[in-house]
Amino acid sequence: MAKRVITTLEDDLDGSEANETITFAIDGAEYEIDLNNAHASELREAMTKYTAVARKTAGRARPARRAGAGISDTKAVRAWAIENSIPVNTRGRIQADVMVRYAAAH
């Protein structure tokens, strides 16, 4: 027995029939929106100002995975690194390898 699946797109803005799905990313989050031709043109036109001067990246946009993500007590990380004779920045961002070692130790 054969099966036929029909997918109908609905414009996410006004509920009319959509013609395409547009994928975009900003601040590490990726989004999809179904739009009709007019709304798709509006979106592209609004973004042209920014995409015209932006740098393209290779591949798909994905949220950055930070080493030690979820560790918010940088003071504790620095203290732990010093106690364990691990070189660490005294100010600013803590090196990724230090965060990974701290996370593994805790």
C-alpha atoms as a PDB file:
ATOM      1  CA  MET A   1       0.000   0.000   0.000  1.00  0.00           C
ATOM      2  CA  ALA A   2       1.346   3.445  -0.911  1.00  0.00           C
ATOM      3  CA  LYS A   3       1.162   6.407   1.390  1.00  0.00           C
ATOM      4  CA  ARG A   4       1.114  10.025   0.306  1.00  0.00           C
ATOM      5  CA  VAL A   5       2.005  12.773   2.779  1.00  0.00           C
ATOM      6  CA  ILE A   6       1.195  16.352   1.884  1.00  0.00           C
ATOM      7  CA  THR A   7       2.787  19.164   3.875  1.00  0.00           C
ATOM      8  CA  THR A   8       1.145  22.558   3.682  1.00  0.00           C
ATOM      9  CA  LEU A   9       3.033  25.602   4.903  1.00  0.00           C
ATOM     10  CA  GLU A  10       1.184  28.366   6.726  1.00  0.00           C
ATOM     11  CA  ASP A  11       2.660  31.857   6.993  1.00  0.00           C
ATOM     12  CA  ASP A  12       3.682  32.335  10.617  1.00  0.00           C
ATOM     13  CA  LEU A  13       2.789  36.039  10.507  1.00  0.00           C
ATOM     14  CA  ASP A  14      -0.708  36.105   9.073  1.00  0.00           C
ATOM     15  CA  GLY A  15      -1.821  32.503   8.561  1.00  0.00           C
ATOM     16  CA  SER A  16      -1.966  32.716   4.757  1.00  0.00           C
ATOM     17  CA  GLU A  17      -0.401  30.053   2.546  1.00  0.00           C
ATOM     18  CA  ALA A  18       3.397  30.144   2.868  1.00  0.00           C
ATOM     19  CA  ASN A  19       5.781  29.491   0.006  1.00  0.00           C
ATOM     20  CA  GLU A  20       8.992  28.758   1.855  1.00  0.00           C
ATOM     21  CA  THR A  21      10.725  28.140   5.148  1.00  0.00           C
ATOM     22  CA  ILE A  22      13.523  30.558   5.994  1.00  0.00           C
ATOM     23  CA  THR A  23      16.245  29.616   8.460  1.00  0.00           C
ATOM     24  CA  PHE A  24      18.326  32.269  10.185  1.00  0.00           C
ATOM     25  CA  ALA A  25      20.466  32.602  13.290  1.00  0.00           C
ATOM     26  CA  ILE A  26      21.279  35.369  15.721  1.00  0.00           C
ATOM     27  CA  ASP A  27      23.074  35.397  19.071  1.00  0.00           C
ATOM     28  CA  GLY A  28      23.794  31.685  18.809  1.00  0.00           C
ATOM     29  CA  ALA A  29      20.148  30.650  18.371  1.00  0.00           C
ATOM     30  CA  GLU A  30      18.845  29.260  15.092  1.00  0.00           C
ATOM     31  CA  TYR A  31      15.293  29.976  13.940  1.00  0.00           C
ATOM     32  CA  GLU A  32      12.943  28.816  11.174  1.00  0.00           C
ATOM     33  CA  ILE A  33       9.926  30.715   9.919  1.00  0.00           C
ATOM     34  CA  ASP A  34       7.383  29.834   7.224  1.00  0.00           C
ATOM     35  CA  LEU A  35       6.540  32.859   5.070  1.00  0.00           C
ATOM     36  CA  ASN A  36       4.687  33.778   1.903  1.00  0.00           C
ATOM     37  CA  ASN A  37       6.594  35.513  -0.894  1.00  0.00           C
ATOM     38  CA  ALA A  38       5.763  39.040   0.300  1.00  0.00           C
ATOM     39  CA  HIS A  39       6.824  38.438   3.897  1.00  0.00           C
ATOM     40  CA  ALA A  40       9.954  36.575   2.799  1.00  0.00           C
ATOM     41  CA  SER A  41      10.927  39.581   0.689  1.00  0.00           C
ATOM     42  CA  GLU A  42      10.292  41.926   3.624  1.00  0.00           C
ATOM     43  CA  LEU A  43      12.507  39.823   5.900  1.00  0.00           C
ATOM     44  CA  ARG A  44      15.319  39.637   3.360  1.00  0.00           C
ATOM     45  CA  GLU A  45      15.098  43.380   2.677  1.00  0.00           C
ATOM     46  CA  ALA A  46      15.224  44.186   6.405  1.00  0.00           C
ATOM     47  CA  MET A  47      18.309  42.001   6.857  1.00  0.00           C
ATOM     48  CA  THR A  48      20.150  43.295   3.765  1.00  0.00           C
ATOM     49  CA  LYS A  49      21.530  46.259   5.706  1.00  0.00           C
ATOM     50  CA  TYR A  50      23.301  43.843   8.047  1.00  0.00           C
ATOM     51  CA  THR A  51      24.154  40.939   5.735  1.00  0.00           C
ATOM     52  CA  ALA A  52      25.753  43.328   3.245  1.00  0.00           C
ATOM     53  CA  VAL A  53      28.497  44.154   5.746  1.00  0.00           C
ATOM     54  CA  ALA A  54      28.610  40.907   7.746  1.00  0.00           C
ATOM     55  CA  ARG A  55      31.111  38.052   7.375  1.00  0.00           C
ATOM     56  CA  LYS A  56      29.820  34.683   6.213  1.00  0.00           C
ATOM     57  CA  THR A  57      30.722  31.692   8.315  1.00  0.00           C
ATOM     58  CA  ALA A  58      31.362  28.173   7.110  1.00  0.00           C
ATOM     59  CA  GLY A  59      28.611  25.656   7.622  1.00  0.00           C
ATOM     60  CA  ARG A  60      25.402  26.094   9.543  1.00  0.00           C
ATOM     61  CA  ALA A  61      25.057  28.512  12.406  1.00  0.00           C
ATOM     62  CA  ARG A  62      25.085  26.687  15.704  1.00  0.00           C
ATOM     63  CA  PRO A  63      25.193  27.896  19.262  1.00  0.00           C
ATOM     64  CA  ALA A  64      28.734  28.068  20.521  1.00  0.00           C
ATOM     65  CA  ARG A  65      29.624  25.385  23.055  1.00  0.00           C
ATOM     66  CA  ARG A  66      31.721  27.046  25.668  1.00  0.00           C
ATOM     67  CA  ALA A  67      34.170  25.090  27.738  1.00  0.00           C
ATOM     68  CA  GLY A  68      32.907  24.965  31.281  1.00  0.00           C
ATOM     69  CA  ALA A  69      29.506  26.345  30.323  1.00  0.00           C
ATOM     70  CA  GLY A  70      27.353  26.676  33.388  1.00  0.00           C
ATOM     71  CA  ILE A  71      30.252  27.569  35.694  1.00  0.00           C
ATOM     72  CA  SER A  72      29.527  31.057  36.917  1.00  0.00           C
ATOM     73  CA  ASP A  73      31.819  31.372  39.940  1.00  0.00           C
ATOM     74  CA  THR A  74      34.980  32.574  38.193  1.00  0.00           C
ATOM     75  CA  LYS A  75      36.483  33.596  41.523  1.00  0.00           C
ATOM     76  CA  ALA A  76      36.327  29.974  42.673  1.00  0.00           C
ATOM     77  CA  VAL A  77      37.831  28.765  39.385  1.00  0.00           C
ATOM     78  CA  ARG A  78      40.754  31.166  39.691  1.00  0.00           C
ATOM     79  CA  ALA A  79      41.330  30.187  43.340  1.00  0.00           C
ATOM     80  CA  TRP A  80      41.241  26.480  42.433  1.00  0.00           C
ATOM     81  CA  ALA A  81      43.685  27.014  39.544  1.00  0.00           C
ATOM     82  CA  ILE A  82      46.134  28.926  41.758  1.00  0.00           C
ATOM     83  CA  GLU A  83      45.917  26.238  44.487  1.00  0.00           C
ATOM     84  CA  ASN A  84      46.715  23.608  41.858  1.00  0.00           C
ATOM     85  CA  SER A  85      49.593  25.581  40.291  1.00  0.00           C
ATOM     86  CA  ILE A  86      47.706  26.037  37.029  1.00  0.00           C
ATOM     87  CA  PRO A  87      48.505  29.300  35.211  1.00  0.00           C
ATOM     88  CA  VAL A  88      45.338  31.411  34.944  1.00  0.00           C
ATOM     89  CA  ASN A  89      44.519  34.946  33.807  1.00  0.00           C
ATOM     90  CA  THR A  90      44.086  37.264  36.764  1.00  0.00           C
ATOM     91  CA  ARG A  91      41.492  39.334  34.872  1.00  0.00           C
ATOM     92  CA  GLY A  92      39.089  38.824  32.004  1.00  0.00           C
ATOM     93  CA  ARG A  93      38.150  35.527  30.438  1.00  0.00           C
ATOM     94  CA  ILE A  94      39.457  32.342  32.000  1.00  0.00           C
ATOM     95  CA  GLN A  95      41.232  30.096  29.509  1.00  0.00           C
ATOM     96  CA  ALA A  96      39.090  27.266  28.121  1.00  0.00           C
ATOM     97  CA  ASP A  97      41.523  24.542  29.213  1.00  0.00           C
ATOM     98  CA  VAL A  98      41.373  25.827  32.804  1.00  0.00           C
ATOM     99  CA  MET A  99      37.566  25.743  32.738  1.00  0.00           C
ATOM    100  CA  VAL A 100      37.610  22.187  31.373  1.00  0.00           C
ATOM    101  CA  ARG A 101      40.045  21.049  34.072  1.00  0.00           C
ATOM    102  CA  TYR A 102      37.989  22.762  36.789  1.00  0.00           C
ATOM    103  CA  ALA A 103      34.768  21.142  35.526  1.00  0.00           C
ATOM    104  CA  ALA A 104      36.449  17.720  35.432  1.00  0.00           C
ATOM    105  CA  ALA A 105      37.725  18.146  38.985  1.00  0.00           C
ATOM    106  CA  HIS A 106      34.322  19.131  40.330  1.00  0.00           C
END
